[in-house]
Amino acid sequence: MAVAICEEEPTERSLLEARLARGWSPTATDTVDGPKVLGYAACAVP
């Protein structure tokens, strides 16, 4: 079991920025309307 302790709860923005800084990139999901990046990660796609 793992326990994470933070001074304050991280925001969606800070988590996304940390992922992007480590080289992660959002992956599009095939939808009826075509491929789309879903969720907060869509903020990282122009």
PDB file of N, CA and C in Angstrom:
ATOM      1  N   MET A   1       0.841  -1.166   0.000  1.00  0.00           N
ATOM      2  CA  MET A   1       0.000   0.000   0.000  1.00  0.00           C
ATOM      3  C   MET A   1       0.894   1.239   0.000  1.00  0.00           C
ATOM      4  N   ALA A   2       0.482   2.243  -0.771  1.00  0.00           N
ATOM      5  CA  ALA A   2       1.238   3.493  -0.847  1.00  0.00           C
ATOM      6  C   ALA A   2       0.427   4.628  -0.241  1.00  0.00           C
ATOM      7  N   VAL A   3       1.128   5.530   0.406  1.00  0.00           N
ATOM      8  CA  VAL A   3       0.476   6.701   0.991  1.00  0.00           C
ATOM      9  C   VAL A   3       1.202   7.934   0.488  1.00  0.00           C
ATOM     10  N   ALA A   4       0.442   8.865  -0.077  1.00  0.00           N
ATOM     11  CA  ALA A   4       1.029  10.115  -0.568  1.00  0.00           C
ATOM     12  C   ALA A   4       0.633  11.241   0.378  1.00  0.00           C
ATOM     13  N   ILE A   5       1.594  12.052   0.721  1.00  0.00           N
ATOM     14  CA  ILE A   5       1.322  13.176   1.617  1.00  0.00           C
ATOM     15  C   ILE A   5       1.735  14.457   0.901  1.00  0.00           C
ATOM     16  N   CYS A   6       0.790  15.388   0.791  1.00  0.00           N
ATOM     17  CA  CYS A   6       1.051  16.668   0.147  1.00  0.00           C
ATOM     18  C   CYS A   6       0.672  17.786   1.101  1.00  0.00           C
ATOM     19  N   GLU A   7       1.389  18.882   1.010  1.00  0.00           N
ATOM     20  CA  GLU A   7       1.045  20.064   1.801  1.00  0.00           C
ATOM     21  C   GLU A   7      -0.357  20.548   1.450  1.00  0.00           C
ATOM     22  N   GLU A   8      -0.635  20.569   0.149  1.00  0.00           N
ATOM     23  CA  GLU A   8      -1.958  20.959  -0.330  1.00  0.00           C
ATOM     24  C   GLU A   8      -2.323  20.079  -1.522  1.00  0.00           C
ATOM     25  N   GLU A   9      -3.604  19.921  -1.763  1.00  0.00           N
ATOM     26  CA  GLU A   9      -4.052  19.063  -2.854  1.00  0.00           C
ATOM     27  C   GLU A   9      -3.655  19.656  -4.200  1.00  0.00           C
ATOM     28  N   PRO A  10      -3.024  18.867  -5.073  1.00  0.00           N
ATOM     29  CA  PRO A  10      -2.613  19.390  -6.377  1.00  0.00           C
ATOM     30  C   PRO A  10      -3.827  19.714  -7.255  1.00  0.00           C
ATOM     31  N   THR A  11      -3.662  20.703  -8.097  1.00  0.00           N
ATOM     32  CA  THR A  11      -4.739  21.085  -9.011  1.00  0.00           C
ATOM     33  C   THR A  11      -4.613  20.298 -10.304  1.00  0.00           C
ATOM     34  N   GLU A  12      -5.686  20.295 -11.081  1.00  0.00           N
ATOM     35  CA  GLU A  12      -5.636  19.626 -12.385  1.00  0.00           C
ATOM     36  C   GLU A  12      -4.536  20.226 -13.244  1.00  0.00           C
ATOM     37  N   ARG A  13      -4.417  21.540 -13.207  1.00  0.00           N
ATOM     38  CA  ARG A  13      -3.408  22.237 -14.005  1.00  0.00           C
ATOM     39  C   ARG A  13      -1.990  21.828 -13.602  1.00  0.00           C
ATOM     40  N   SER A  14      -1.725  21.783 -12.300  1.00  0.00           N
ATOM     41  CA  SER A  14      -0.370  21.430 -11.856  1.00  0.00           C
ATOM     42  C   SER A  14      -0.033  19.981 -12.209  1.00  0.00           C
ATOM     43  N   LEU A  15      -1.004  19.078 -12.124  1.00  0.00           N
ATOM     44  CA  LEU A  15      -0.766  17.685 -12.507  1.00  0.00           C
ATOM     45  C   LEU A  15      -0.491  17.571 -13.998  1.00  0.00           C
ATOM     46  N   LEU A  16      -1.267  18.293 -14.823  1.00  0.00           N
ATOM     47  CA  LEU A  16      -1.062  18.266 -16.264  1.00  0.00           C
ATOM     48  C   LEU A  16       0.298  18.848 -16.622  1.00  0.00           C
ATOM     49  N   GLU A  17       0.658  19.964 -16.017  1.00  0.00           N
ATOM     50  CA  GLU A  17       1.957  20.589 -16.299  1.00  0.00           C
ATOM     51  C   GLU A  17       3.110  19.657 -15.921  1.00  0.00           C
ATOM     52  N   ALA A  18       2.977  18.938 -14.812  1.00  0.00           N
ATOM     53  CA  ALA A  18       4.025  18.001 -14.393  1.00  0.00           C
ATOM     54  C   ALA A  18       4.159  16.866 -15.404  1.00  0.00           C
ATOM     55  N   ARG A  19       3.039  16.347 -15.888  1.00  0.00           N
ATOM     56  CA  ARG A  19       3.092  15.285 -16.892  1.00  0.00           C
ATOM     57  C   ARG A  19       3.743  15.774 -18.174  1.00  0.00           C
ATOM     58  N   LEU A  20       3.344  16.948 -18.631  1.00  0.00           N
ATOM     59  CA  LEU A  20       3.907  17.507 -19.863  1.00  0.00           C
ATOM     60  C   LEU A  20       5.407  17.747 -19.718  1.00  0.00           C
ATOM     61  N   ALA A  21       5.832  18.191 -18.543  1.00  0.00           N
ATOM     62  CA  ALA A  21       7.255  18.448 -18.297  1.00  0.00           C
ATOM     63  C   ALA A  21       8.075  17.163 -18.366  1.00  0.00           C
ATOM     64  N   ARG A  22       7.451  16.011 -18.053  1.00  0.00           N
ATOM     65  CA  ARG A  22       8.146  14.728 -18.121  1.00  0.00           C
ATOM     66  C   ARG A  22       8.074  14.104 -19.508  1.00  0.00           C
ATOM     67  N   GLY A  23       7.492  14.839 -20.479  1.00  0.00           N
ATOM     68  CA  GLY A  23       7.465  14.339 -21.849  1.00  0.00           C
ATOM     69  C   GLY A  23       6.185  13.633 -22.250  1.00  0.00           C
ATOM     70  N   TRP A  24       5.212  13.584 -21.366  1.00  0.00           N
ATOM     71  CA  TRP A  24       3.931  12.949 -21.676  1.00  0.00           C
ATOM     72  C   TRP A  24       3.166  13.808 -22.680  1.00  0.00           C
ATOM     73  N   SER A  25       2.386  13.186 -23.534  1.00  0.00           N
ATOM     74  CA  SER A  25       1.518  13.947 -24.432  1.00  0.00           C
ATOM     75  C   SER A  25       0.156  13.259 -24.486  1.00  0.00           C
ATOM     76  N   PRO A  26      -0.911  14.045 -24.592  1.00  0.00           N
ATOM     77  CA  PRO A  26      -2.250  13.472 -24.607  1.00  0.00           C
ATOM     78  C   PRO A  26      -2.475  12.603 -25.849  1.00  0.00           C
ATOM     79  N   THR A  27      -3.259  11.573 -25.690  1.00  0.00           N
ATOM     80  CA  THR A  27      -3.598  10.670 -26.778  1.00  0.00           C
ATOM     81  C   THR A  27      -5.068  10.849 -27.134  1.00  0.00           C
ATOM     82  N   ALA A  28      -5.333  11.000 -28.415  1.00  0.00           N
ATOM     83  CA  ALA A  28      -6.715  11.174 -28.859  1.00  0.00           C
ATOM     84  C   ALA A  28      -7.474   9.845 -28.759  1.00  0.00           C
ATOM     85  N   THR A  29      -8.744   9.965 -28.426  1.00  0.00           N
ATOM     86  CA  THR A  29      -9.654   8.822 -28.372  1.00  0.00           C
ATOM     87  C   THR A  29     -10.567   8.890 -29.577  1.00  0.00           C
ATOM     88  N   ASP A  30     -10.759   7.765 -30.247  1.00  0.00           N
ATOM     89  CA  ASP A  30     -11.684   7.741 -31.381  1.00  0.00           C
ATOM     90  C   ASP A  30     -13.113   7.891 -30.870  1.00  0.00           C
ATOM     91  N   THR A  31     -13.804   8.898 -31.382  1.00  0.00           N
ATOM     92  CA  THR A  31     -15.211   9.110 -31.036  1.00  0.00           C
ATOM     93  C   THR A  31     -16.025   9.120 -32.327  1.00  0.00           C
ATOM     94  N   VAL A  32     -17.324   9.177 -32.192  1.00  0.00           N
ATOM     95  CA  VAL A  32     -18.211   9.225 -33.351  1.00  0.00           C
ATOM     96  C   VAL A  32     -17.888  10.457 -34.200  1.00  0.00           C
ATOM     97  N   ASP A  33     -17.467  11.546 -33.544  1.00  0.00           N
ATOM     98  CA  ASP A  33     -17.139  12.789 -34.247  1.00  0.00           C
ATOM     99  C   ASP A  33     -15.685  12.859 -34.690  1.00  0.00           C
ATOM    100  N   GLY A  34     -14.960  11.772 -34.564  1.00  0.00           N
ATOM    101  CA  GLY A  34     -13.546  11.746 -34.925  1.00  0.00           C
ATOM    102  C   GLY A  34     -12.673  11.734 -33.688  1.00  0.00           C
ATOM    103  N   PRO A  35     -11.366  11.680 -33.876  1.00  0.00           N
ATOM    104  CA  PRO A  35     -10.451  11.621 -32.733  1.00  0.00           C
ATOM    105  C   PRO A  35     -10.490  12.910 -31.914  1.00  0.00           C
ATOM    106  N   LYS A  36     -10.564  12.753 -30.592  1.00  0.00           N
ATOM    107  CA  LYS A  36     -10.576  13.907 -29.685  1.00  0.00           C
ATOM    108  C   LYS A  36      -9.802  13.582 -28.427  1.00  0.00           C
ATOM    109  N   VAL A  37      -9.111  14.595 -27.896  1.00  0.00           N
ATOM    110  CA  VAL A  37      -8.478  14.465 -26.594  1.00  0.00           C
ATOM    111  C   VAL A  37      -9.544  14.839 -25.571  1.00  0.00           C
ATOM    112  N   LEU A  38      -9.781  13.946 -24.636  1.00  0.00           N
ATOM    113  CA  LEU A  38     -10.856  14.137 -23.674  1.00  0.00           C
ATOM    114  C   LEU A  38     -10.328  14.640 -22.335  1.00  0.00           C
ATOM    115  N   GLY A  39     -11.209  15.211 -21.547  1.00  0.00           N
ATOM    116  CA  GLY A  39     -10.873  15.637 -20.200  1.00  0.00           C
ATOM    117  C   GLY A  39     -10.018  16.889 -20.159  1.00  0.00           C
ATOM    118  N   TYR A  40      -9.391  17.103 -19.001  1.00  0.00           N
ATOM    119  CA  TYR A  40      -8.585  18.300 -18.812  1.00  0.00           C
ATOM    120  C   TYR A  40      -7.372  18.326 -19.728  1.00  0.00           C
ATOM    121  N   ALA A  41      -6.920  17.163 -20.189  1.00  0.00           N
ATOM    122  CA  ALA A  41      -5.766  17.088 -21.089  1.00  0.00           C
ATOM    123  C   ALA A  41      -6.027  17.822 -22.394  1.00  0.00           C
ATOM    124  N   ALA A  42      -7.283  18.031 -22.749  1.00  0.00           N
ATOM    125  CA  ALA A  42      -7.612  18.767 -23.978  1.00  0.00           C
ATOM    126  C   ALA A  42      -7.052  20.194 -23.940  1.00  0.00           C
ATOM    127  N   CYS A  43      -6.796  20.709 -22.750  1.00  0.00           N
ATOM    128  CA  CYS A  43      -6.206  22.048 -22.609  1.00  0.00           C
ATOM    129  C   CYS A  43      -4.801  22.108 -23.217  1.00  0.00           C
ATOM    130  N   ALA A  44      -4.139  20.955 -23.326  1.00  0.00           N
ATOM    131  CA  ALA A  44      -2.769  20.920 -23.825  1.00  0.00           C
ATOM    132  C   ALA A  44      -2.690  20.780 -25.339  1.00  0.00           C
ATOM    133  N   VAL A  45      -3.838  20.676 -25.999  1.00  0.00           N
ATOM    134  CA  VAL A  45      -3.867  20.481 -27.438  1.00  0.00           C
ATOM    135  C   VAL A  45      -4.321  21.774 -28.110  1.00  0.00           C
ATOM    136  N   PRO A  46      -3.515  22.279 -29.054  1.00  0.00           N
ATOM    137  CA  PRO A  46      -3.915  23.537 -29.725  1.00  0.00           C
ATOM    138  C   PRO A  46      -5.155  23.372 -30.593  1.00  0.00           C
TER     139      PRO A  46
END
